[in-house]
C-alpha atoms as a PDB file:
ATOM      1  CA  MET A   1     147.400 157.770 171.666  1.00  0.00           C
ATOM      2  CA  ASN A   2     146.437 155.177 174.155  1.00  0.00           C
ATOM      3  CA  GLU A   3     148.362 152.220 175.130  1.00  0.00           C
ATOM      4  CA  TYR A   4     146.370 149.787 173.113  1.00  0.00           C
ATOM      5  CA  GLU A   5     146.910 151.694 169.866  1.00  0.00           C
ATOM      6  CA  ALA A   6     150.532 151.988 170.559  1.00  0.00           C
ATOM      7  CA  ARG A   7     150.907 148.207 170.925  1.00  0.00           C
ATOM      8  CA  ARG A   8     148.832 147.695 167.797  1.00  0.00           C
ATOM      9  CA  LEU A   9     151.064 149.870 165.596  1.00  0.00           C
ATOM     10  CA  GLU A  10     154.108 148.322 167.061  1.00  0.00           C
ATOM     11  CA  ASN A  11     152.808 144.885 166.076  1.00  0.00           C
ATOM     12  CA  ILE A  12     151.905 145.967 162.486  1.00  0.00           C
ATOM     13  CA  LYS A  13     155.467 147.364 161.933  1.00  0.00           C
ATOM     14  CA  ARG A  14     156.977 144.351 163.367  1.00  0.00           C
ATOM     15  CA  ASN A  15     154.911 142.110 161.020  1.00  0.00           C
ATOM     16  CA  GLN A  16     155.855 144.241 157.985  1.00  0.00           C
ATOM     17  CA  ALA A  17     159.343 143.860 158.938  1.00  0.00           C
ATOM     18  CA  LEU A  18     159.134 140.101 159.130  1.00  0.00           C
ATOM     19  CA  VAL A  19     157.282 139.881 155.673  1.00  0.00           C
ATOM     20  CA  GLN A  20     159.986 141.866 153.960  1.00  0.00           C
ATOM     21  CA  GLU A  21     162.644 139.904 155.639  1.00  0.00           C
ATOM     22  CA  LEU A  22     161.249 136.564 154.339  1.00  0.00           C
ATOM     23  CA  GLY A  23     160.513 137.908 150.854  1.00  0.00           C
ATOM     24  CA  LEU A  24     156.826 137.253 151.031  1.00  0.00           C
ATOM     25  CA  GLU A  25     155.633 140.755 150.153  1.00  0.00           C
ATOM     26  CA  ARG A  26     153.562 140.982 146.754  1.00  0.00           C
ATOM     27  CA  PRO A  27     152.649 144.554 146.130  1.00  0.00           C
ATOM     28  CA  ASP A  28     150.872 143.743 142.907  1.00  0.00           C
ATOM     29  CA  ALA A  29     148.426 141.286 144.553  1.00  0.00           C
ATOM     30  CA  ALA A  30     144.815 142.430 144.338  1.00  0.00           C
ATOM     31  CA  PRO A  31     142.987 142.722 147.735  1.00  0.00           C
ATOM     32  CA  VAL A  32     141.362 139.516 148.641  1.00  0.00           C
ATOM     33  CA  THR A  33     137.837 141.047 148.630  1.00  0.00           C
ATOM     34  CA  SER A  34     138.289 142.253 145.004  1.00  0.00           C
ATOM     35  CA  ARG A  35     139.596 138.732 143.830  1.00  0.00           C
ATOM     36  CA  ASN A  36     136.605 137.179 145.451  1.00  0.00           C
ATOM     37  CA  GLN A  37     134.116 139.571 143.855  1.00  0.00           C
ATOM     38  CA  THR A  38     135.811 139.188 140.475  1.00  0.00           C
ATOM     39  CA  THR A  39     135.713 135.361 140.727  1.00  0.00           C
ATOM     40  CA  ARG A  40     132.082 135.302 141.703  1.00  0.00           C
ATOM     41  CA  SER A  41     131.193 137.722 138.798  1.00  0.00           C
ATOM     42  CA  SER A  42     132.992 135.490 136.370  1.00  0.00           C
ATOM     43  CA  LYS A  43     131.177 132.365 137.466  1.00  0.00           C
ATOM     44  CA  ARG A  44     127.919 134.128 137.350  1.00  0.00           C
ATOM     45  CA  ARG A  45     128.383 135.068 133.797  1.00  0.00           C
ATOM     46  CA  LYS A  46     129.044 131.372 132.878  1.00  0.00           C
ATOM     47  CA  LEU A  47     125.946 130.369 134.472  1.00  0.00           C
ATOM     48  CA  GLU A  48     123.751 132.949 132.436  1.00  0.00           C
ATOM     49  CA  PRO A  49     123.788 131.944 128.671  1.00  0.00           C
ATOM     50  CA  SER A  50     123.081 134.958 126.490  1.00  0.00           C
ATOM     51  CA  ALA A  51     120.062 134.821 124.178  1.00  0.00           C
ATOM     52  CA  PRO A  52     120.811 134.319 120.402  1.00  0.00           C
ATOM     53  CA  THR A  53     120.571 137.634 118.404  1.00  0.00           C
ATOM     54  CA  ARG A  54     118.482 135.825 115.757  1.00  0.00           C
ATOM     55  CA  SER A  55     116.095 132.859 115.828  1.00  0.00           C
ATOM     56  CA  SER A  56     113.760 131.363 113.337  1.00  0.00           C
ATOM     57  CA  ALA A  57     110.007 131.788 113.643  1.00  0.00           C
ATOM     58  CA  ARG A  58     109.489 128.096 114.507  1.00  0.00           C
ATOM     59  CA  ILE A  59     111.949 128.273 117.316  1.00  0.00           C
ATOM     60  CA  ALA A  60     110.502 131.602 118.589  1.00  0.00           C
ATOM     61  CA  SER A  61     107.108 130.227 118.644  1.00  0.00           C
ATOM     62  CA  ALA A  62     108.145 127.296 120.704  1.00  0.00           C
ATOM     63  CA  GLY A  63     108.995 129.570 123.620  1.00  0.00           C
ATOM     64  CA  PRO A  64     112.069 129.817 125.700  1.00  0.00           C
ATOM     65  CA  ARG A  65     114.433 126.847 126.044  1.00  0.00           C
ATOM     66  CA  PRO A  66     114.733 125.374 129.472  1.00  0.00           C
ATOM     67  CA  LEU A  67     117.792 126.375 131.447  1.00  0.00           C
ATOM     68  CA  TYR A  68     119.013 123.284 133.007  1.00  0.00           C
ATOM     69  CA  ASN A  69     121.803 125.091 134.916  1.00  0.00           C
ATOM     70  CA  ASP A  70     119.007 126.438 137.152  1.00  0.00           C
ATOM     71  CA  HIS A  71     118.356 122.879 138.628  1.00  0.00           C
ATOM     72  CA  ASP A  72     119.832 121.465 141.678  1.00  0.00           C
ATOM     73  CA  PRO A  73     123.307 119.908 141.027  1.00  0.00           C
ATOM     74  CA  ALA A  74     122.067 116.481 142.173  1.00  0.00           C
ATOM     75  CA  GLN A  75     119.255 116.579 139.505  1.00  0.00           C
ATOM     76  CA  LEU A  76     121.803 117.436 136.785  1.00  0.00           C
ATOM     77  CA  ILE A  77     123.987 114.456 137.810  1.00  0.00           C
ATOM     78  CA  ASP A  78     120.962 112.158 137.796  1.00  0.00           C
ATOM     79  CA  ARG A  79     119.963 113.516 134.211  1.00  0.00           C
ATOM     80  CA  VAL A  80     123.486 112.952 132.846  1.00  0.00           C
ATOM     81  CA  ARG A  81     123.535 109.424 134.288  1.00  0.00           C
ATOM     82  CA  ARG A  82     120.078 108.704 132.745  1.00  0.00           C
ATOM     83  CA  THR A  83     121.123 110.217 129.369  1.00  0.00           C
ATOM     84  CA  SER A  84     124.308 108.125 129.574  1.00  0.00           C
ATOM     85  CA  ARG A  85     122.356 104.969 130.117  1.00  0.00           C
ATOM     86  CA  THR A  86     119.923 105.870 127.398  1.00  0.00           C
ATOM     87  CA  THR A  87     122.769 106.345 124.905  1.00  0.00           C
ATOM     88  CA  ARG A  88     124.517 103.167 125.774  1.00  0.00           C
ATOM     89  CA  THR A  89     121.105 101.334 125.387  1.00  0.00           C
ATOM     90  CA  THR A  90     120.540 102.925 122.101  1.00  0.00           C
ATOM     91  CA  ARG A  91     123.875 101.999 120.879  1.00  0.00           C
ATOM     92  CA  THR A  92     123.351  98.426 122.120  1.00  0.00           C
ATOM     93  CA  THR A  93     119.961  97.806 120.633  1.00  0.00           C
ATOM     94  CA  ALA A  94     120.473  99.640 117.315  1.00  0.00           C
ATOM     95  CA  SER A  95     119.292  97.857 114.305  1.00  0.00           C
ATOM     96  CA  PRO A  96     122.135  96.144 112.387  1.00  0.00           C
ATOM     97  CA  PRO A  97     123.172  97.486 108.913  1.00  0.00           C
ATOM     98  CA  PRO A  98     121.026  95.799 106.212  1.00  0.00           C
ATOM     99  CA  THR A  99     122.506  92.772 104.561  1.00  0.00           C
ATOM    100  CA  ALA A 100     122.488  91.902 101.056  1.00  0.00           C
ATOM    101  CA  VAL A 101     119.763  89.660  99.760  1.00  0.00           C
ATOM    102  CA  THR A 102     121.182  86.333  98.675  1.00  0.00           C
ATOM    103  CA  SER A 103     119.623  83.890  96.154  1.00  0.00           C
ATOM    104  CA  PRO A 104     118.644  80.462  97.494  1.00  0.00           C
ATOM    105  CA  THR A 105     121.426  77.773  97.427  1.00  0.00           C
ATOM    106  CA  PRO A 106     121.325  74.902  94.996  1.00  0.00           C
ATOM    107  CA  ALA A 107     119.922  72.769  97.553  1.00  0.00           C
ATOM    108  CA  ASP A 108     117.185  75.209  98.531  1.00  0.00           C
ATOM    109  CA  VAL A 109     116.211  75.641  94.850  1.00  0.00           C
ATOM    110  CA  GLN A 110     115.929  71.788  94.318  1.00  0.00           C
ATOM    111  CA  SER A 111     113.842  71.522  97.535  1.00  0.00           C
ATOM    112  CA  ILE A 112     111.476  74.294  96.129  1.00  0.00           C
ATOM    113  CA  ARG A 113     111.255  72.711  92.708  1.00  0.00           C
ATOM    114  CA  GLU A 114     110.398  69.313  94.376  1.00  0.00           C
ATOM    115  CA  GLY A 115     107.637  71.100  96.442  1.00  0.00           C
ATOM    116  CA  TRP A 116     105.759  72.259  93.423  1.00  0.00           C
ATOM    117  CA  THR A 117     104.698  68.792  92.543  1.00  0.00           C
ATOM    118  CA  ALA A 118     105.217  66.993  95.941  1.00  0.00           C
ATOM    119  CA  TRP A 119     101.570  67.550  97.085  1.00  0.00           C
ATOM    120  CA  THR A 120      98.420  65.436  96.926  1.00  0.00           C
ATOM    121  CA  PRO A 121      94.886  66.768  96.464  1.00  0.00           C
ATOM    122  CA  ALA A 122      93.166  67.771  99.846  1.00  0.00           C
ATOM    123  CA  ALA A 123      89.917  69.011  98.517  1.00  0.00           C
ATOM    124  CA  SER A 124      87.326  67.823  96.104  1.00  0.00           C
ATOM    125  CA  PRO A 125      86.657  69.915  92.807  1.00  0.00           C
ATOM    126  CA  PRO A 126      84.266  72.808  93.091  1.00  0.00           C
ATOM    127  CA  THR A 127      80.565  72.670  92.229  1.00  0.00           C
ATOM    128  CA  ARG A 128      79.054  75.135  89.869  1.00  0.00           C
ATOM    129  CA  ALA A 129      75.826  77.127  90.472  1.00  0.00           C
ATOM    130  CA  ALA A 130      73.224  77.871  87.872  1.00  0.00           C
ATOM    131  CA  ASP A 131      74.614  81.331  87.341  1.00  0.00           C
ATOM    132  CA  GLY A 132      78.009  79.942  86.572  1.00  0.00           C
ATOM    133  CA  THR A 133      79.695  80.655  89.692  1.00  0.00           C
ATOM    134  CA  PHE A 134      82.070  78.045  91.199  1.00  0.00           C
ATOM    135  CA  HIS A 135      82.025  77.066  94.892  1.00  0.00           C
ATOM    136  CA  PHE A 136      84.799  75.650  96.868  1.00  0.00           C
ATOM    137  CA  ALA A 137      83.878  73.988 100.055  1.00  0.00           C
ATOM    138  CA  SER A 138      87.128  75.061 101.913  1.00  0.00           C
ATOM    139  CA  HIS A 139      86.846  78.634 100.805  1.00  0.00           C
ATOM    140  CA  PRO A 140      83.328  79.684 100.370  1.00  0.00           C
ATOM    141  CA  ASP A 141      84.236  83.278  99.896  1.00  0.00           C
ATOM    142  CA  PHE A 142      86.272  82.423  96.605  1.00  0.00           C
ATOM    143  CA  THR A 143      83.631  82.473  93.822  1.00  0.00           C
ATOM    144  CA  PRO A 144      85.176  82.704  90.337  1.00  0.00           C
ATOM    145  CA  ASN A 145      83.000  81.927  87.309  1.00  0.00           C
ATOM    146  CA  LYS A 146      85.737  80.759  84.736  1.00  0.00           C
ATOM    147  CA  SER A 147      87.492  77.544  85.170  1.00  0.00           C
ATOM    148  CA  PRO A 148      91.278  77.191  84.333  1.00  0.00           C
ATOM    149  CA  GLU A 149      90.300  75.024  81.306  1.00  0.00           C
ATOM    150  CA  GLU A 150      88.017  77.616  80.025  1.00  0.00           C
ATOM    151  CA  ILE A 151      90.573  80.307  80.498  1.00  0.00           C
ATOM    152  CA  LEU A 152      93.073  78.387  78.627  1.00  0.00           C
ATOM    153  CA  ARG A 153      90.892  77.264  75.644  1.00  0.00           C
ATOM    154  CA  GLU A 154      89.237  80.615  75.176  1.00  0.00           C
ATOM    155  CA  GLY A 155      92.790  82.220  75.044  1.00  0.00           C
ATOM    156  CA  CYS A 156      94.913  84.089  77.677  1.00  0.00           C
ATOM    157  CA  PHE A 157      98.231  85.640  78.542  1.00  0.00           C
ATOM    158  CA  GLY A 158      98.886  86.123  74.863  1.00  0.00           C
ATOM    159  CA  GLY A 159      99.738  82.420  74.519  1.00  0.00           C
ATOM    160  CA  THR A 160     102.920  82.817  76.749  1.00  0.00           C
ATOM    161  CA  TYR A 161     101.966  81.867  80.164  1.00  0.00           C
ATOM    162  CA  TRP A 162     103.701  78.342  80.137  1.00  0.00           C
ATOM    163  CA  ARG A 163     106.750  79.326  77.991  1.00  0.00           C
ATOM    164  CA  PRO A 164     110.149  78.508  79.205  1.00  0.00           C
ATOM    165  CA  LEU A 165     110.557  80.991  82.221  1.00  0.00           C
ATOM    166  CA  TYR A 166     113.856  82.159  83.686  1.00  0.00           C
ATOM    167  CA  SER A 167     113.554  83.130  87.456  1.00  0.00           C
ATOM    168  CA  LYS A 168     116.014  85.757  88.572  1.00  0.00           C
ATOM    169  CA  LYS A 169     115.307  84.797  92.162  1.00  0.00           C
ATOM    170  CA  LEU A 170     115.898  81.173  91.842  1.00  0.00           C
ATOM    171  CA  GLY A 171     118.494  81.411  89.082  1.00  0.00           C
ATOM    172  CA  ILE A 172     116.958  78.516  86.898  1.00  0.00           C
ATOM    173  CA  THR A 173     114.741  78.285  83.753  1.00  0.00           C
ATOM    174  CA  VAL A 174     111.465  76.495  84.377  1.00  0.00           C
ATOM    175  CA  ARG A 175     109.836  74.743  81.422  1.00  0.00           C
ATOM    176  CA  ASP A 176     107.344  72.122  80.603  1.00  0.00           C
ATOM    177  CA  ASP A 177     105.484  72.622  83.837  1.00  0.00           C
ATOM    178  CA  TRP A 178     102.185  72.837  81.878  1.00  0.00           C
ATOM    179  CA  ARG A 179     102.297  69.106  81.496  1.00  0.00           C
ATOM    180  CA  GLU A 180     101.222  68.552  85.224  1.00  0.00           C
ATOM    181  CA  LEU A 181      97.826  70.001  84.113  1.00  0.00           C
ATOM    182  CA  PRO A 182      95.033  67.384  83.540  1.00  0.00           C
ATOM    183  CA  ALA A 183      95.275  66.146  79.990  1.00  0.00           C
ATOM    184  CA  ALA A 184      91.636  66.983  79.321  1.00  0.00           C
ATOM    185  CA  TRP A 185      92.439  70.735  79.809  1.00  0.00           C
ATOM    186  CA  THR A 186      94.797  70.867  76.828  1.00  0.00           C
ATOM    187  CA  ALA A 187      93.532  68.062  74.630  1.00  0.00           C
ATOM    188  CA  GLY A 188      93.473  69.348  71.107  1.00  0.00           C
ATOM    189  CA  LEU A 189      95.024  72.741  71.877  1.00  0.00           C
ATOM    190  CA  ASP A 190      97.932  74.058  69.681  1.00  0.00           C
ATOM    191  CA  ALA A 191     100.490  74.227  72.835  1.00  0.00           C
ATOM    192  CA  ALA A 192     102.886  76.316  70.689  1.00  0.00           C
ATOM    193  CA  ARG A 193     100.112  79.010  70.168  1.00  0.00           C
ATOM    194  CA  TYR A 194      97.996  78.885  73.293  1.00  0.00           C
ATOM    195  CA  LEU A 195     100.467  77.788  75.981  1.00  0.00           C
ATOM    196  CA  THR A 196     104.150  78.088  75.181  1.00  0.00           C
ATOM    197  CA  GLY A 197     104.454  80.818  72.679  1.00  0.00           C
ATOM    198  CA  GLU A 198     107.730  82.873  72.934  1.00  0.00           C
ATOM    199  CA  ALA A 199     106.251  86.193  71.977  1.00  0.00           C
ATOM    200  CA  TYR A 200     103.117  87.663  73.245  1.00  0.00           C
ATOM    201  CA  ASP A 201     100.341  87.437  70.690  1.00  0.00           C
ATOM    202  CA  PRO A 202      97.257  89.479  71.525  1.00  0.00           C
ATOM    203  CA  SER A 203      95.267  87.635  68.852  1.00  0.00           C
ATOM    204  CA  VAL A 204      95.406  84.538  71.064  1.00  0.00           C
ATOM    205  CA  ASN A 205      93.455  86.318  73.720  1.00  0.00           C
ATOM    206  CA  LYS A 206      89.750  85.981  74.044  1.00  0.00           C
ATOM    207  CA  TYR A 207      89.154  89.653  73.554  1.00  0.00           C
ATOM    208  CA  GLY A 208      91.966  90.124  70.966  1.00  0.00           C
ATOM    209  CA  VAL A 209      93.950  92.705  72.930  1.00  0.00           C
ATOM    210  CA  ALA A 210      97.095  92.782  74.999  1.00  0.00           C
ATOM    211  CA  CYS A 211      96.851  93.480  78.745  1.00  0.00           C
ATOM    212  CA  GLY A 212      98.802  92.960  81.951  1.00  0.00           C
ATOM    213  CA  GLN A 213     102.478  92.594  82.775  1.00  0.00           C
ATOM    214  CA  SER A 214     104.928  89.765  82.326  1.00  0.00           C
ATOM    215  CA  ILE A 215     105.727  87.233  84.819  1.00  0.00           C
ATOM    216  CA  GLU A 216     109.211  88.559  85.158  1.00  0.00           C
ATOM    217  CA  GLU A 217     107.644  91.873  86.118  1.00  0.00           C
ATOM    218  CA  TRP A 218     105.425  90.221  88.613  1.00  0.00           C
ATOM    219  CA  GLU A 219     108.542  88.620  90.053  1.00  0.00           C
ATOM    220  CA  ALA A 220     110.390  91.895  90.242  1.00  0.00           C
ATOM    221  CA  ALA A 221     107.402  93.392  91.948  1.00  0.00           C
ATOM    222  CA  GLY A 222     107.426  90.843  94.623  1.00  0.00           C
ATOM    223  CA  TRP A 223     104.132  89.116  93.809  1.00  0.00           C
ATOM    224  CA  ILE A 224     105.544  85.625  93.191  1.00  0.00           C
ATOM    225  CA  ALA A 225     105.698  83.134  96.114  1.00  0.00           C
ATOM    226  CA  HIS A 226     108.423  80.860  94.682  1.00  0.00           C
ATOM    227  CA  ASP A 227     107.857  78.290  97.417  1.00  0.00           C
ATOM    228  CA  TYR A 228     104.517  77.475  95.802  1.00  0.00           C
ATOM    229  CA  ASP A 229     103.924  78.812  92.280  1.00  0.00           C
ATOM    230  CA  VAL A 230     106.746  80.281  90.269  1.00  0.00           C
ATOM    231  CA  ARG A 231     104.472  81.608  87.572  1.00  0.00           C
ATOM    232  CA  GLY A 232     101.996  83.409  89.922  1.00  0.00           C
ATOM    233  CA  TRP A 233      98.245  83.645  90.352  1.00  0.00           C
ATOM    234  CA  PHE A 234      97.095  81.602  87.426  1.00  0.00           C
ATOM    235  CA  GLN A 235      99.325  78.700  88.162  1.00  0.00           C
ATOM    236  CA  TRP A 236      98.034  78.838  91.809  1.00  0.00           C
ATOM    237  CA  TYR A 237      94.428  78.744  90.623  1.00  0.00           C
ATOM    238  CA  CYS A 238      95.232  75.668  88.496  1.00  0.00           C
ATOM    239  CA  ARG A 239      96.686  73.903  91.351  1.00  0.00           C
ATOM    240  CA  PHE A 240      93.835  74.996  93.949  1.00  0.00           C
ATOM    241  CA  TRP A 241      91.178  73.779  91.438  1.00  0.00           C
ATOM    242  CA  MET A 242      93.119  70.477  91.248  1.00  0.00           C
ATOM    243  CA  GLY A 243      92.762  70.004  95.045  1.00  0.00           C
ATOM    244  CA  ARG A 244      96.009  71.394  96.530  1.00  0.00           C
ATOM    245  CA  ARG A 245      95.800  73.500  99.619  1.00  0.00           C
ATOM    246  CA  CYS A 246      98.777  75.515 100.882  1.00  0.00           C
ATOM    247  CA  GLU A 247      99.679  78.497 103.059  1.00  0.00           C
ATOM    248  CA  ASP A 248      99.629  80.897 100.070  1.00  0.00           C
ATOM    249  CA  ASP A 249      95.864  80.328  99.491  1.00  0.00           C
ATOM    250  CA  GLU A 250      94.634  83.163 101.667  1.00  0.00           C
ATOM    251  CA  ARG A 251      97.055  85.658 100.051  1.00  0.00           C
ATOM    252  CA  GLN A 252      95.987  84.631  96.476  1.00  0.00           C
ATOM    253  CA  ILE A 253      92.348  84.629  97.234  1.00  0.00           C
ATOM    254  CA  GLY A 254      92.680  88.019  98.778  1.00  0.00           C
ATOM    255  CA  ARG A 255      94.265  89.330  95.614  1.00  0.00           C
ATOM    256  CA  TRP A 256      91.342  87.866  93.619  1.00  0.00           C
ATOM    257  CA  LYS A 257      88.894  89.654  95.720  1.00  0.00           C
ATOM    258  CA  ARG A 258      90.619  93.022  95.402  1.00  0.00           C
ATOM    259  CA  CYS A 259      90.630  92.647  91.627  1.00  0.00           C
ATOM    260  CA  VAL A 260      87.391  90.917  90.712  1.00  0.00           C
ATOM    261  CA  GLY A 261      85.522  90.044  93.897  1.00  0.00           C
ATOM    262  CA  ASP A 262      82.194  91.706  94.756  1.00  0.00           C
ATOM    263  CA  THR A 263      83.993  95.006  95.339  1.00  0.00           C
ATOM    264  CA  GLY A 264      87.020  94.350  93.207  1.00  0.00           C
ATOM    265  CA  ARG A 265      88.413  97.247  91.434  1.00  0.00           C
ATOM    266  CA  TRP A 266      88.448  95.750  87.843  1.00  0.00           C
ATOM    267  CA  ARG A 267      84.902  94.258  88.244  1.00  0.00           C
ATOM    268  CA  ARG A 268      83.567  97.573  89.237  1.00  0.00           C
ATOM    269  CA  ALA A 269      85.381  99.432  86.679  1.00  0.00           C
ATOM    270  CA  LEU A 270      83.983  97.034  84.105  1.00  0.00           C
ATOM    271  CA  LEU A 271      80.325  97.192  85.327  1.00  0.00           C
ATOM    272  CA  LYS A 272      80.523 101.045  85.464  1.00  0.00           C
ATOM    273  CA  LYS A 273      81.496 101.111  81.866  1.00  0.00           C
ATOM    274  CA  TYR A 274      78.363  99.070  81.014  1.00  0.00           C
ATOM    275  CA  VAL A 275      76.200 101.628  82.861  1.00  0.00           C
ATOM    276  CA  ALA A 276      77.990 104.641  81.384  1.00  0.00           C
ATOM    277  CA  MET A 277      77.349 103.262  77.847  1.00  0.00           C
ATOM    278  CA  GLY A 278      73.851 102.325  78.612  1.00  0.00           C
ATOM    279  CA  ILE A 279      74.321  98.542  77.956  1.00  0.00           C
ATOM    280  CA  ARG A 280      71.999  96.394  80.009  1.00  0.00           C
ATOM    281  CA  SER A 281      72.640  92.896  78.523  1.00  0.00           C
ATOM    282  CA  VAL A 282      75.591  90.590  78.032  1.00  0.00           C
ATOM    283  CA  PHE A 283      76.090  87.471  75.902  1.00  0.00           C
ATOM    284  CA  ASP A 284      77.711  84.173  76.759  1.00  0.00           C
ATOM    285  CA  ASP A 285      79.835  84.075  73.866  1.00  0.00           C
ATOM    286  CA  GLY A 286      81.405  87.527  74.390  1.00  0.00           C
ATOM    287  CA  ASP A 287      82.553  87.972  70.846  1.00  0.00           C
ATOM    288  CA  GLY A 288      81.481  91.478  70.574  1.00  0.00           C
ATOM    289  CA  ASP A 289      79.334  90.869  67.372  1.00  0.00           C
ATOM    290  CA  GLY A 290      76.165  92.267  68.569  1.00  0.00           C
ATOM    291  CA  ASP A 291      75.352  96.015  69.309  1.00  0.00           C
ATOM    292  CA  ASP A 292      75.586  95.415  72.979  1.00  0.00           C
ATOM    293  CA  GLY A 293      77.901  92.367  73.364  1.00  0.00           C
ATOM    294  CA  ARG A 294      80.661  92.120  75.900  1.00  0.00           C
ATOM    295  CA  GLY A 295      83.298  92.617  73.487  1.00  0.00           C
ATOM    296  CA  ASP A 296      82.232  96.221  72.832  1.00  0.00           C
ATOM    297  CA  VAL A 297      82.801  97.275  76.381  1.00  0.00           C
ATOM    298  CA  SER A 298      86.333  97.892  77.277  1.00  0.00           C
ATOM    299  CA  PRO A 299      88.125  94.750  75.819  1.00  0.00           C
ATOM    300  CA  VAL A 300      91.334  95.366  77.932  1.00  0.00           C
ATOM    301  CA  VAL A 301      89.422  95.361  81.269  1.00  0.00           C
ATOM    302  CA  HIS A 302      87.413  92.264  80.077  1.00  0.00           C
ATOM    303  CA  GLN A 303      90.583  90.562  79.225  1.00  0.00           C
ATOM    304  CA  THR A 304      92.061  91.336  82.665  1.00  0.00           C
ATOM    305  CA  CYS A 305      89.120  90.029  84.506  1.00  0.00           C
ATOM    306  CA  HIS A 306      89.254  86.971  82.308  1.00  0.00           C
ATOM    307  CA  HIS A 307      92.837  86.298  83.515  1.00  0.00           C
ATOM    308  CA  TRP A 308      91.436  86.616  87.105  1.00  0.00           C
ATOM    309  CA  ALA A 309      88.682  83.909  86.184  1.00  0.00           C
ATOM    310  CA  TYR A 310      85.786  86.305  86.229  1.00  0.00           C
ATOM    311  CA  GLU A 311      83.545  87.287  83.436  1.00  0.00           C
ATOM    312  CA  VAL A 312      80.555  89.645  83.624  1.00  0.00           C
ATOM    313  CA  ARG A 313      77.222  87.776  83.863  1.00  0.00           C
ATOM    314  CA  GLN A 314      73.787  89.149  83.444  1.00  0.00           C
ATOM    315  CA  GLY A 315      72.765  88.811  87.214  1.00  0.00           C
ATOM    316  CA  ALA A 316      75.771  90.797  88.230  1.00  0.00           C
ATOM    317  CA  LEU A 317      74.974  93.515  85.538  1.00  0.00           C
ATOM    318  CA  ASP A 318      71.372  93.718  86.470  1.00  0.00           C
ATOM    319  CA  ARG A 319      72.185  94.065  90.242  1.00  0.00           C
ATOM    320  CA  PHE A 320      74.713  96.882  89.365  1.00  0.00           C
ATOM    321  CA  TRP A 321      72.206  98.784  87.388  1.00  0.00           C
ATOM    322  CA  ALA A 322      69.656  98.502  90.261  1.00  0.00           C
ATOM    323  CA  GLU A 323      71.998  98.897  93.196  1.00  0.00           C
ATOM    324  CA  GLY A 324      75.274 100.322  91.934  1.00  0.00           C
ATOM    325  CA  ARG A 325      77.302  97.355  93.373  1.00  0.00           C
END
């Protein structure tokens, strides 16, 4: 043994004696190298998530999920910050819970009621063409061929359109508003039968059949614009004819077009029935007494069109036979 090794062994013995003297000896402690290896192994296991033993076909077909742990830590921190900001923004801008729909206040209702008659005529009466079609200068695309007076006198809505009406939306009963109509429209009519009947009477209608829904059902379906016409489309038509113009005009004319306009579903359905039955002519009276009179072709659809101020005329039927439109 050389001198260097002798000094080394002496130093080791002296250090061991010092450790024992100070009570710092830990015979159960694992070697430092083993502890470091164990720690690294443990961390590595945490960074490598195991794949699930089962997965659905949808998840499997989507391919492996990205392992965000593989990214640079700075990227992970940036992602967390962005996610946090997004979450905070989402919470801040989330839509508030729906609030209960409230009925108008008494003051609002009074204002609405006053608005029904607080208007002055802004347009002249329509002109009538040779084919019976009416033309309004302000709305050339609105071309009914039955006037409000004709509809009333021929029989409509089972005689109940102008009856006392309770509006759930407004919480009031509306009555006697038929009296705002021009006196000539109702002169000589039995108001109790043709206007204000309590019970729907199909025999009042021009085609002797019941059709359509009640005003209450229209209101429940959201078709009533209470600010303008609490009874719906026909009341709007009466006031439009009398010269009123309002913000609801376009909506109501749009409804008319979809029902009985050139491509309206009820108009086309009725004309198709004429063709299907081989009928090529119509009569102005529409009482159905003849072999091919209007009354013989779907009275219900005829009455529906009548309520929308439309009646099949010979020119329209001839064109449908020739062109299918």
